[in-house]
Amino acid sequence: AIDKKGGDYVLQVKDNQKKLLQEIESFYHKTRRDTPFLIEQNKFEQIDGEHGRLEERTYTQLAVTDWLEQTNGWSNLNSIIEVVRKRTIKEKKSEEVSYYISSLPVAPEMVAKAIRSHWSIENSSHWVLDVIFKEDESRIRRENAPENMAIFRRFAMNLARLSPIKDSMKSKLQRAGWSDRIREQLIFG
């Protein structure tokens, strides 16, 4: 649907796509073993550091081949991406590897920008949900209630973001709770 409208996609492959995830991991292992030059020529590295924190990110993007059978159901899929994040915070080191699929051709620097911009939006949303909605403190646990509340919180957050009212997110939501007129303004624009 996205690519039919002229757009491109970069989507993270998570555990709910276990076969695809395992196949991509195996493909990177096979490529490193059999054709390591492909890894080297399709890699982009970024290093950021400040306030005792160092983060190294390595993006490796490879073209989709027939070897990747699990990719058949994806429209206009052209590449897969491996992102290795190494962090050092006050002498404590951690490493995380994640995988993505994309309709974009192999251009690791461009894909790195797309993934980084996604994470800055994601981190901003999590901060709002935690600080404004106190999502981490929620005691809602029964059945589908946590997922339902998460949907309502994100809906309210997005309405407040789209609102032309010049105020902080917290103030917009408080005022909407106190005033039918403000609440209608948030919901209906």
N, C-alpha and C. Protein backbone atom coordinates (compact mmCIF):
# COMPACT_ATOMS: atom_id res chain seq x y z
N ALA A 1 0.82 -1.19 0.00
CA ALA A 1 0.00 0.00 0.00
C ALA A 1 0.87 1.26 0.00
N ILE A 2 1.92 1.28 0.83
CA ILE A 2 2.79 2.45 0.90
C ILE A 2 3.49 2.67 -0.44
N ASP A 3 4.06 1.59 -0.98
CA ASP A 3 4.83 1.73 -2.22
C ASP A 3 3.93 2.00 -3.42
N LYS A 4 2.66 1.58 -3.37
CA LYS A 4 1.73 1.86 -4.47
C LYS A 4 1.40 3.34 -4.55
N LYS A 5 1.54 4.05 -3.43
CA LYS A 5 1.30 5.50 -3.39
C LYS A 5 2.59 6.28 -3.68
N GLY A 6 3.67 5.57 -4.03
CA GLY A 6 4.92 6.24 -4.36
C GLY A 6 5.88 6.39 -3.20
N GLY A 7 5.53 5.83 -2.04
CA GLY A 7 6.39 5.94 -0.87
C GLY A 7 7.31 4.75 -0.73
N ASP A 8 8.25 4.86 0.17
CA ASP A 8 9.16 3.76 0.49
C ASP A 8 8.98 3.41 1.96
N TYR A 9 9.48 2.24 2.34
CA TYR A 9 9.37 1.83 3.74
C TYR A 9 10.69 1.26 4.24
N VAL A 10 10.89 1.42 5.54
CA VAL A 10 11.97 0.78 6.28
C VAL A 10 11.30 0.27 7.55
N LEU A 11 11.18 -1.05 7.70
CA LEU A 11 10.45 -1.64 8.82
C LEU A 11 11.35 -2.56 9.63
N GLN A 12 11.29 -2.43 10.94
CA GLN A 12 12.08 -3.31 11.79
C GLN A 12 11.44 -4.68 11.83
N VAL A 13 12.26 -5.71 11.75
CA VAL A 13 11.80 -7.10 11.85
C VAL A 13 11.95 -7.50 13.30
N LYS A 14 10.84 -7.88 13.92
CA LYS A 14 10.86 -8.22 15.34
C LYS A 14 10.53 -9.69 15.54
N ASP A 15 10.44 -10.10 16.79
CA ASP A 15 10.22 -11.51 17.13
C ASP A 15 8.89 -12.06 16.62
N ASN A 16 7.92 -11.19 16.31
CA ASN A 16 6.65 -11.70 15.80
C ASN A 16 6.78 -12.16 14.34
N GLN A 17 7.93 -11.92 13.72
CA GLN A 17 8.25 -12.41 12.37
C GLN A 17 9.47 -13.33 12.49
N LYS A 18 9.35 -14.34 13.37
CA LYS A 18 10.50 -15.16 13.76
C LYS A 18 11.22 -15.81 12.57
N LYS A 19 10.48 -16.40 11.63
CA LYS A 19 11.13 -17.07 10.50
C LYS A 19 11.90 -16.07 9.63
N LEU A 20 11.29 -14.92 9.38
CA LEU A 20 11.96 -13.89 8.59
C LEU A 20 13.21 -13.39 9.32
N LEU A 21 13.08 -13.15 10.61
CA LEU A 21 14.20 -12.68 11.42
C LEU A 21 15.36 -13.68 11.38
N GLN A 22 15.06 -14.96 11.59
CA GLN A 22 16.10 -16.00 11.58
C GLN A 22 16.76 -16.12 10.20
N GLU A 23 15.95 -15.99 9.16
CA GLU A 23 16.49 -16.09 7.81
C GLU A 23 17.44 -14.92 7.51
N ILE A 24 17.05 -13.72 7.94
CA ILE A 24 17.91 -12.55 7.72
C ILE A 24 19.21 -12.69 8.51
N GLU A 25 19.12 -13.13 9.77
CA GLU A 25 20.33 -13.36 10.58
C GLU A 25 21.25 -14.36 9.89
N SER A 26 20.67 -15.46 9.39
CA SER A 26 21.46 -16.49 8.70
C SER A 26 22.09 -15.94 7.42
N PHE A 27 21.35 -15.10 6.71
CA PHE A 27 21.87 -14.51 5.47
C PHE A 27 23.09 -13.63 5.76
N TYR A 28 23.02 -12.84 6.82
CA TYR A 28 24.18 -12.01 7.18
C TYR A 28 25.36 -12.88 7.60
N HIS A 29 25.10 -13.95 8.33
CA HIS A 29 26.17 -14.88 8.74
C HIS A 29 26.82 -15.49 7.49
N LYS A 30 25.99 -15.97 6.56
CA LYS A 30 26.47 -16.58 5.32
C LYS A 30 27.27 -15.57 4.49
N THR A 31 26.78 -14.33 4.40
CA THR A 31 27.47 -13.30 3.61
C THR A 31 28.82 -12.96 4.23
N ARG A 32 28.87 -12.86 5.55
CA ARG A 32 30.15 -12.59 6.23
C ARG A 32 31.17 -13.71 5.97
N ARG A 33 30.67 -14.94 5.95
CA ARG A 33 31.54 -16.10 5.74
C ARG A 33 31.99 -16.21 4.28
N ASP A 34 31.04 -16.09 3.34
CA ASP A 34 31.33 -16.37 1.93
C ASP A 34 31.80 -15.16 1.12
N THR A 35 31.25 -14.00 1.40
CA THR A 35 31.58 -12.80 0.61
C THR A 35 31.71 -11.58 1.52
N PRO A 36 32.73 -11.57 2.39
CA PRO A 36 32.87 -10.48 3.36
C PRO A 36 33.03 -9.10 2.72
N PHE A 37 33.51 -9.05 1.47
CA PHE A 37 33.67 -7.75 0.81
C PHE A 37 32.31 -7.06 0.62
N LEU A 38 31.22 -7.83 0.47
CA LEU A 38 29.88 -7.23 0.35
C LEU A 38 29.49 -6.49 1.61
N ILE A 39 29.88 -7.05 2.75
CA ILE A 39 29.60 -6.39 4.03
C ILE A 39 30.36 -5.07 4.10
N GLU A 40 31.64 -5.11 3.73
CA GLU A 40 32.48 -3.92 3.83
C GLU A 40 32.04 -2.81 2.88
N GLN A 41 31.62 -3.16 1.67
CA GLN A 41 31.27 -2.11 0.71
C GLN A 41 29.84 -1.59 0.89
N ASN A 42 29.04 -2.23 1.72
CA ASN A 42 27.66 -1.80 1.94
C ASN A 42 27.41 -1.40 3.39
N LYS A 43 28.43 -0.79 3.99
CA LYS A 43 28.38 -0.46 5.41
C LYS A 43 28.51 1.05 5.60
N PHE A 44 27.80 1.56 6.62
CA PHE A 44 27.92 2.97 7.01
C PHE A 44 28.02 3.02 8.52
N GLU A 45 29.00 3.77 9.04
CA GLU A 45 29.23 3.83 10.49
C GLU A 45 29.03 5.25 11.00
N GLN A 46 28.44 5.34 12.19
CA GLN A 46 28.27 6.62 12.88
C GLN A 46 28.76 6.47 14.30
N ILE A 47 29.41 7.51 14.80
CA ILE A 47 29.86 7.52 16.20
C ILE A 47 29.40 8.83 16.82
N ASP A 48 28.70 8.73 17.93
CA ASP A 48 28.24 9.90 18.68
C ASP A 48 28.71 9.74 20.11
N GLY A 49 29.07 10.83 20.73
CA GLY A 49 29.47 10.75 22.13
C GLY A 49 29.44 12.10 22.80
N GLU A 50 28.88 12.10 24.00
CA GLU A 50 28.90 13.29 24.85
C GLU A 50 28.49 12.89 26.26
N HIS A 51 28.95 13.65 27.22
CA HIS A 51 28.59 13.45 28.63
C HIS A 51 28.88 12.03 29.12
N GLY A 52 30.06 11.49 28.78
CA GLY A 52 30.45 10.17 29.26
C GLY A 52 29.74 9.02 28.57
N ARG A 53 29.12 9.31 27.42
CA ARG A 53 28.36 8.30 26.70
C ARG A 53 28.90 8.22 25.27
N LEU A 54 29.19 7.01 24.81
CA LEU A 54 29.66 6.80 23.45
C LEU A 54 28.74 5.79 22.77
N GLU A 55 28.28 6.13 21.58
CA GLU A 55 27.44 5.19 20.84
C GLU A 55 27.98 5.05 19.43
N GLU A 56 28.24 3.80 19.04
CA GLU A 56 28.70 3.47 17.69
C GLU A 56 27.59 2.68 17.02
N ARG A 57 27.20 3.12 15.82
CA ARG A 57 26.17 2.42 15.07
C ARG A 57 26.75 2.02 13.71
N THR A 58 26.58 0.76 13.37
CA THR A 58 27.03 0.27 12.07
C THR A 58 25.81 -0.25 11.32
N TYR A 59 25.55 0.35 10.16
CA TYR A 59 24.42 -0.03 9.31
C TYR A 59 24.99 -0.79 8.12
N THR A 60 24.53 -2.02 7.92
CA THR A 60 24.96 -2.81 6.77
C THR A 60 23.71 -3.19 5.99
N GLN A 61 23.66 -2.77 4.73
CA GLN A 61 22.48 -2.99 3.90
C GLN A 61 22.85 -3.89 2.73
N LEU A 62 22.06 -4.93 2.53
CA LEU A 62 22.31 -5.86 1.44
C LEU A 62 21.07 -5.98 0.56
N ALA A 63 21.29 -6.23 -0.72
CA ALA A 63 20.18 -6.43 -1.65
C ALA A 63 19.51 -7.77 -1.35
N VAL A 64 18.21 -7.82 -1.55
CA VAL A 64 17.45 -9.06 -1.36
C VAL A 64 17.79 -10.00 -2.52
N THR A 65 18.01 -11.28 -2.18
CA THR A 65 18.30 -12.29 -3.20
C THR A 65 17.29 -13.43 -3.08
N ASP A 66 17.33 -14.36 -4.02
CA ASP A 66 16.42 -15.51 -4.00
C ASP A 66 16.66 -16.40 -2.79
N TRP A 67 17.83 -16.30 -2.17
CA TRP A 67 18.15 -17.10 -0.99
C TRP A 67 17.18 -16.80 0.15
N LEU A 68 16.67 -15.58 0.19
CA LEU A 68 15.75 -15.14 1.25
C LEU A 68 14.31 -15.48 0.87
N GLU A 69 13.86 -16.67 1.23
CA GLU A 69 12.53 -17.13 0.86
C GLU A 69 11.41 -16.43 1.63
N GLN A 70 11.66 -16.06 2.88
CA GLN A 70 10.63 -15.45 3.72
C GLN A 70 10.25 -14.04 3.29
N THR A 71 11.00 -13.47 2.36
CA THR A 71 10.73 -12.09 1.94
C THR A 71 9.70 -12.02 0.81
N ASN A 72 9.24 -13.16 0.32
CA ASN A 72 8.34 -13.18 -0.83
C ASN A 72 7.03 -12.42 -0.63
N GLY A 73 6.50 -12.38 0.58
CA GLY A 73 5.21 -11.74 0.82
C GLY A 73 5.27 -10.22 0.92
N TRP A 74 6.45 -9.65 0.82
CA TRP A 74 6.60 -8.20 0.99
C TRP A 74 6.66 -7.51 -0.37
N SER A 75 5.80 -6.53 -0.55
CA SER A 75 5.72 -5.79 -1.80
C SER A 75 6.94 -4.89 -1.99
N ASN A 76 7.54 -4.99 -3.17
CA ASN A 76 8.63 -4.09 -3.56
C ASN A 76 9.81 -4.12 -2.59
N LEU A 77 10.06 -5.26 -1.99
CA LEU A 77 11.18 -5.38 -1.04
C LEU A 77 12.50 -5.46 -1.81
N ASN A 78 13.40 -4.53 -1.53
CA ASN A 78 14.67 -4.47 -2.26
C ASN A 78 15.89 -4.75 -1.41
N SER A 79 15.79 -4.50 -0.10
CA SER A 79 17.00 -4.65 0.72
C SER A 79 16.67 -5.03 2.16
N ILE A 80 17.70 -5.54 2.82
CA ILE A 80 17.62 -5.84 4.25
C ILE A 80 18.75 -5.07 4.93
N ILE A 81 18.54 -4.74 6.19
CA ILE A 81 19.51 -3.91 6.91
C ILE A 81 19.80 -4.54 8.26
N GLU A 82 21.08 -4.55 8.63
CA GLU A 82 21.50 -4.95 9.96
C GLU A 82 22.05 -3.70 10.65
N VAL A 83 21.58 -3.44 11.86
CA VAL A 83 22.08 -2.30 12.63
C VAL A 83 22.70 -2.85 13.92
N VAL A 84 23.98 -2.58 14.11
CA VAL A 84 24.68 -2.97 15.34
C VAL A 84 24.93 -1.69 16.13
N ARG A 85 24.36 -1.63 17.34
CA ARG A 85 24.55 -0.47 18.22
C ARG A 85 25.43 -0.90 19.38
N LYS A 86 26.57 -0.23 19.51
CA LYS A 86 27.46 -0.48 20.66
C LYS A 86 27.45 0.78 21.50
N ARG A 87 27.11 0.63 22.79
CA ARG A 87 27.07 1.78 23.69
C ARG A 87 28.05 1.58 24.84
N THR A 88 28.70 2.67 25.20
CA THR A 88 29.54 2.69 26.40
C THR A 88 29.07 3.87 27.22
N ILE A 89 28.55 3.57 28.41
CA ILE A 89 28.09 4.61 29.32
C ILE A 89 28.83 4.41 30.64
N LYS A 90 29.73 5.34 30.94
CA LYS A 90 30.53 5.27 32.17
C LYS A 90 31.14 3.88 32.36
N GLU A 91 31.92 3.44 31.40
CA GLU A 91 32.65 2.17 31.45
C GLU A 91 31.77 0.93 31.26
N LYS A 92 30.45 1.08 31.23
CA LYS A 92 29.57 -0.07 31.03
C LYS A 92 29.25 -0.19 29.54
N LYS A 93 29.54 -1.38 28.97
CA LYS A 93 29.36 -1.59 27.54
C LYS A 93 28.14 -2.47 27.27
N SER A 94 27.44 -2.16 26.18
CA SER A 94 26.32 -3.00 25.75
C SER A 94 26.30 -3.03 24.23
N GLU A 95 25.71 -4.07 23.69
CA GLU A 95 25.60 -4.21 22.24
C GLU A 95 24.22 -4.74 21.91
N GLU A 96 23.66 -4.20 20.83
CA GLU A 96 22.32 -4.60 20.40
C GLU A 96 22.34 -4.71 18.88
N VAL A 97 21.73 -5.76 18.35
CA VAL A 97 21.65 -5.95 16.90
C VAL A 97 20.18 -5.99 16.52
N SER A 98 19.81 -5.23 15.49
CA SER A 98 18.44 -5.28 15.00
C SER A 98 18.46 -5.35 13.48
N TYR A 99 17.36 -5.83 12.92
CA TYR A 99 17.27 -6.04 11.48
C TYR A 99 16.03 -5.33 10.93
N TYR A 100 16.16 -4.89 9.68
CA TYR A 100 15.09 -4.16 9.01
C TYR A 100 14.93 -4.68 7.59
N ILE A 101 13.75 -4.45 7.03
CA ILE A 101 13.51 -4.70 5.61
C ILE A 101 13.14 -3.36 4.99
N SER A 102 13.43 -3.21 3.68
CA SER A 102 13.17 -1.92 3.06
C SER A 102 12.89 -2.04 1.57
N SER A 103 12.08 -1.11 1.09
CA SER A 103 11.85 -0.99 -0.35
C SER A 103 12.95 -0.16 -1.01
N LEU A 104 13.80 0.46 -0.20
CA LEU A 104 14.87 1.32 -0.73
C LEU A 104 15.99 0.48 -1.35
N PRO A 105 16.63 1.01 -2.38
CA PRO A 105 17.80 0.32 -2.93
C PRO A 105 18.96 0.42 -1.92
N VAL A 106 20.02 -0.32 -2.18
CA VAL A 106 21.15 -0.32 -1.27
C VAL A 106 21.82 1.06 -1.27
N ALA A 107 21.69 1.75 -0.14
CA ALA A 107 22.29 3.07 0.09
C ALA A 107 22.35 3.25 1.61
N PRO A 108 23.35 2.63 2.26
CA PRO A 108 23.39 2.57 3.73
C PRO A 108 23.29 3.92 4.44
N GLU A 109 23.87 4.97 3.88
CA GLU A 109 23.82 6.26 4.56
C GLU A 109 22.38 6.81 4.60
N MET A 110 21.65 6.65 3.49
CA MET A 110 20.26 7.11 3.44
C MET A 110 19.39 6.31 4.41
N VAL A 111 19.58 5.01 4.46
CA VAL A 111 18.81 4.16 5.36
C VAL A 111 19.13 4.50 6.81
N ALA A 112 20.38 4.80 7.10
CA ALA A 112 20.77 5.18 8.47
C ALA A 112 19.99 6.42 8.92
N LYS A 113 19.85 7.40 8.03
CA LYS A 113 19.09 8.61 8.36
C LYS A 113 17.63 8.28 8.63
N ALA A 114 17.04 7.41 7.82
CA ALA A 114 15.64 7.03 8.01
C ALA A 114 15.44 6.33 9.35
N ILE A 115 16.32 5.42 9.69
CA ILE A 115 16.21 4.68 10.95
C ILE A 115 16.43 5.61 12.14
N ARG A 116 17.42 6.48 12.07
CA ARG A 116 17.69 7.42 13.17
C ARG A 116 16.52 8.38 13.38
N SER A 117 15.92 8.88 12.30
CA SER A 117 14.80 9.81 12.47
C SER A 117 13.60 9.09 13.08
N HIS A 118 13.40 7.82 12.71
CA HIS A 118 12.32 7.04 13.32
C HIS A 118 12.54 6.92 14.83
N TRP A 119 13.79 6.63 15.24
CA TRP A 119 14.06 6.45 16.67
C TRP A 119 13.93 7.74 17.45
N SER A 120 14.25 8.88 16.83
CA SER A 120 14.08 10.14 17.58
C SER A 120 12.61 10.42 17.81
N ILE A 121 11.75 10.10 16.83
CA ILE A 121 10.30 10.26 17.01
C ILE A 121 9.80 9.27 18.06
N GLU A 122 10.25 8.02 17.96
CA GLU A 122 9.84 6.98 18.91
C GLU A 122 10.25 7.34 20.34
N ASN A 123 11.49 7.80 20.52
CA ASN A 123 11.96 8.18 21.85
C ASN A 123 11.17 9.35 22.40
N SER A 124 10.85 10.31 21.55
CA SER A 124 10.06 11.47 21.97
C SER A 124 8.68 11.03 22.43
N SER A 125 8.05 10.12 21.70
CA SER A 125 6.73 9.62 22.07
C SER A 125 6.77 8.88 23.40
N HIS A 126 7.79 8.04 23.60
CA HIS A 126 7.90 7.31 24.86
C HIS A 126 8.10 8.25 26.03
N TRP A 127 8.87 9.32 25.82
CA TRP A 127 9.09 10.30 26.89
C TRP A 127 7.76 10.94 27.27
N VAL A 128 6.97 11.36 26.28
CA VAL A 128 5.67 11.99 26.55
C VAL A 128 4.76 11.01 27.28
N LEU A 129 4.71 9.77 26.80
CA LEU A 129 3.83 8.77 27.42
C LEU A 129 4.23 8.50 28.86
N ASP A 130 5.52 8.51 29.14
CA ASP A 130 5.98 8.25 30.50
C ASP A 130 5.82 9.47 31.40
N VAL A 131 6.24 10.64 30.94
CA VAL A 131 6.22 11.83 31.78
C VAL A 131 4.82 12.41 31.92
N ILE A 132 4.10 12.58 30.83
CA ILE A 132 2.78 13.21 30.87
C ILE A 132 1.71 12.23 31.33
N PHE A 133 1.72 11.02 30.77
CA PHE A 133 0.67 10.04 31.08
C PHE A 133 1.08 9.06 32.18
N LYS A 134 2.33 9.13 32.63
CA LYS A 134 2.86 8.23 33.66
C LYS A 134 2.58 6.76 33.31
N GLU A 135 2.83 6.43 32.04
CA GLU A 135 2.53 5.10 31.53
C GLU A 135 3.29 4.01 32.28
N ASP A 136 4.54 4.26 32.66
CA ASP A 136 5.32 3.25 33.36
C ASP A 136 4.77 2.94 34.75
N GLU A 137 4.01 3.87 35.32
CA GLU A 137 3.44 3.67 36.66
C GLU A 137 2.05 3.03 36.62
N SER A 138 1.53 2.79 35.43
CA SER A 138 0.17 2.27 35.30
C SER A 138 0.03 0.92 35.99
N ARG A 139 -1.09 0.75 36.70
CA ARG A 139 -1.36 -0.52 37.38
C ARG A 139 -2.42 -1.33 36.63
N ILE A 140 -2.76 -0.90 35.45
CA ILE A 140 -3.75 -1.60 34.64
C ILE A 140 -3.11 -2.87 34.09
N ARG A 141 -3.69 -4.03 34.45
CA ARG A 141 -3.05 -5.31 34.11
C ARG A 141 -3.99 -6.35 33.49
N ARG A 142 -5.28 -6.20 33.64
CA ARG A 142 -6.21 -7.27 33.26
C ARG A 142 -6.46 -7.35 31.76
N GLU A 143 -6.40 -8.56 31.25
CA GLU A 143 -6.74 -8.90 29.87
C GLU A 143 -6.17 -7.90 28.86
N ASN A 144 -7.03 -7.31 28.03
CA ASN A 144 -6.57 -6.38 26.99
C ASN A 144 -6.49 -4.94 27.46
N ALA A 145 -6.77 -4.69 28.71
CA ALA A 145 -6.83 -3.32 29.23
C ALA A 145 -5.52 -2.54 29.02
N PRO A 146 -4.33 -3.13 29.26
CA PRO A 146 -3.10 -2.35 29.03
C PRO A 146 -2.95 -1.89 27.57
N GLU A 147 -3.26 -2.78 26.62
CA GLU A 147 -3.16 -2.42 25.20
C GLU A 147 -4.19 -1.36 24.84
N ASN A 148 -5.42 -1.51 25.37
CA ASN A 148 -6.47 -0.53 25.08
C ASN A 148 -6.09 0.85 25.63
N MET A 149 -5.57 0.90 26.84
CA MET A 149 -5.17 2.18 27.42
C MET A 149 -4.01 2.80 26.64
N ALA A 150 -3.09 1.96 26.17
CA ALA A 150 -1.97 2.48 25.37
C ALA A 150 -2.49 3.14 24.09
N ILE A 151 -3.50 2.54 23.48
CA ILE A 151 -4.11 3.12 22.28
C ILE A 151 -4.75 4.47 22.61
N PHE A 152 -5.51 4.53 23.71
CA PHE A 152 -6.15 5.79 24.11
C PHE A 152 -5.11 6.87 24.42
N ARG A 153 -4.04 6.49 25.10
CA ARG A 153 -2.99 7.48 25.43
C ARG A 153 -2.34 8.04 24.17
N ARG A 154 -2.02 7.16 23.23
CA ARG A 154 -1.40 7.62 21.98
C ARG A 154 -2.36 8.48 21.17
N PHE A 155 -3.64 8.11 21.19
CA PHE A 155 -4.66 8.90 20.50
C PHE A 155 -4.73 10.31 21.10
N ALA A 156 -4.79 10.38 22.42
CA ALA A 156 -4.84 11.68 23.11
C ALA A 156 -3.57 12.49 22.85
N MET A 157 -2.42 11.82 22.88
CA MET A 157 -1.15 12.49 22.63
C MET A 157 -1.13 13.09 21.22
N ASN A 158 -1.58 12.32 20.24
CA ASN A 158 -1.57 12.81 18.86
C ASN A 158 -2.58 13.94 18.65
N LEU A 159 -3.75 13.85 19.29
CA LEU A 159 -4.71 14.96 19.21
C LEU A 159 -4.11 16.23 19.79
N ALA A 160 -3.45 16.11 20.93
CA ALA A 160 -2.84 17.28 21.57
C ALA A 160 -1.72 17.85 20.70
N ARG A 161 -0.94 16.99 20.06
CA ARG A 161 0.14 17.45 19.18
C ARG A 161 -0.41 18.22 17.98
N LEU A 162 -1.53 17.74 17.44
CA LEU A 162 -2.11 18.37 16.26
C LEU A 162 -2.89 19.63 16.58
N SER A 163 -3.20 19.84 17.83
CA SER A 163 -4.00 20.98 18.24
C SER A 163 -3.29 22.31 17.99
N PRO A 164 -4.04 23.31 17.49
CA PRO A 164 -3.43 24.63 17.28
C PRO A 164 -3.28 25.43 18.58
N ILE A 165 -3.80 24.92 19.68
CA ILE A 165 -3.70 25.62 20.97
C ILE A 165 -2.23 25.77 21.33
N LYS A 166 -1.82 26.98 21.66
CA LYS A 166 -0.42 27.26 22.01
C LYS A 166 -0.22 27.03 23.50
N ASP A 167 0.16 25.82 23.86
CA ASP A 167 0.39 25.46 25.25
C ASP A 167 1.18 24.17 25.29
N SER A 168 1.66 23.78 26.46
CA SER A 168 2.39 22.52 26.59
C SER A 168 1.42 21.36 26.44
N MET A 169 1.97 20.20 26.15
CA MET A 169 1.15 18.99 26.03
C MET A 169 0.36 18.75 27.31
N LYS A 170 1.03 18.85 28.44
CA LYS A 170 0.39 18.60 29.73
C LYS A 170 -0.75 19.59 29.96
N SER A 171 -0.52 20.86 29.68
CA SER A 171 -1.56 21.88 29.88
C SER A 171 -2.74 21.68 28.94
N LYS A 172 -2.47 21.33 27.70
CA LYS A 172 -3.56 21.07 26.75
C LYS A 172 -4.46 19.96 27.27
N LEU A 173 -3.84 18.87 27.74
CA LEU A 173 -4.62 17.72 28.22
C LEU A 173 -5.36 18.06 29.51
N GLN A 174 -4.74 18.80 30.41
CA GLN A 174 -5.42 19.21 31.64
C GLN A 174 -6.62 20.09 31.32
N ARG A 175 -6.42 21.07 30.45
CA ARG A 175 -7.50 21.98 30.08
C ARG A 175 -8.64 21.22 29.40
N ALA A 176 -8.30 20.21 28.57
CA ALA A 176 -9.33 19.40 27.91
C ALA A 176 -10.13 18.61 28.94
N GLY A 177 -9.48 18.20 30.02
CA GLY A 177 -10.18 17.48 31.09
C GLY A 177 -11.13 18.37 31.87
N TRP A 178 -10.85 19.66 31.92
CA TRP A 178 -11.65 20.60 32.69
C TRP A 178 -12.73 21.28 31.87
N SER A 179 -12.56 21.35 30.55
CA SER A 179 -13.47 22.16 29.74
C SER A 179 -13.99 21.38 28.53
N ASP A 180 -15.33 21.32 28.41
CA ASP A 180 -15.93 20.66 27.25
C ASP A 180 -15.51 21.36 25.95
N ARG A 181 -15.46 22.68 25.99
CA ARG A 181 -15.11 23.46 24.80
C ARG A 181 -13.69 23.13 24.33
N ILE A 182 -12.73 23.10 25.26
CA ILE A 182 -11.34 22.78 24.91
C ILE A 182 -11.24 21.33 24.42
N ARG A 183 -11.95 20.43 25.10
CA ARG A 183 -11.94 19.02 24.70
C ARG A 183 -12.46 18.88 23.26
N GLU A 184 -13.56 19.56 22.95
CA GLU A 184 -14.11 19.53 21.59
C GLU A 184 -13.12 20.12 20.59
N GLN A 185 -12.44 21.17 20.99
CA GLN A 185 -11.43 21.80 20.13
C GLN A 185 -10.29 20.83 19.82
N LEU A 186 -9.87 20.06 20.83
CA LEU A 186 -8.81 19.07 20.61
C LEU A 186 -9.28 17.96 19.68
N ILE A 187 -10.50 17.48 19.91
CA ILE A 187 -11.00 16.34 19.14
C ILE A 187 -11.37 16.73 17.71
N PHE A 188 -12.06 17.84 17.56
CA PHE A 188 -12.60 18.20 16.25
C PHE A 188 -11.80 19.28 15.51
N GLY A 189 -10.78 19.81 16.16
CA GLY A 189 -9.90 20.77 15.51
C GLY A 189 -10.40 22.18 15.46
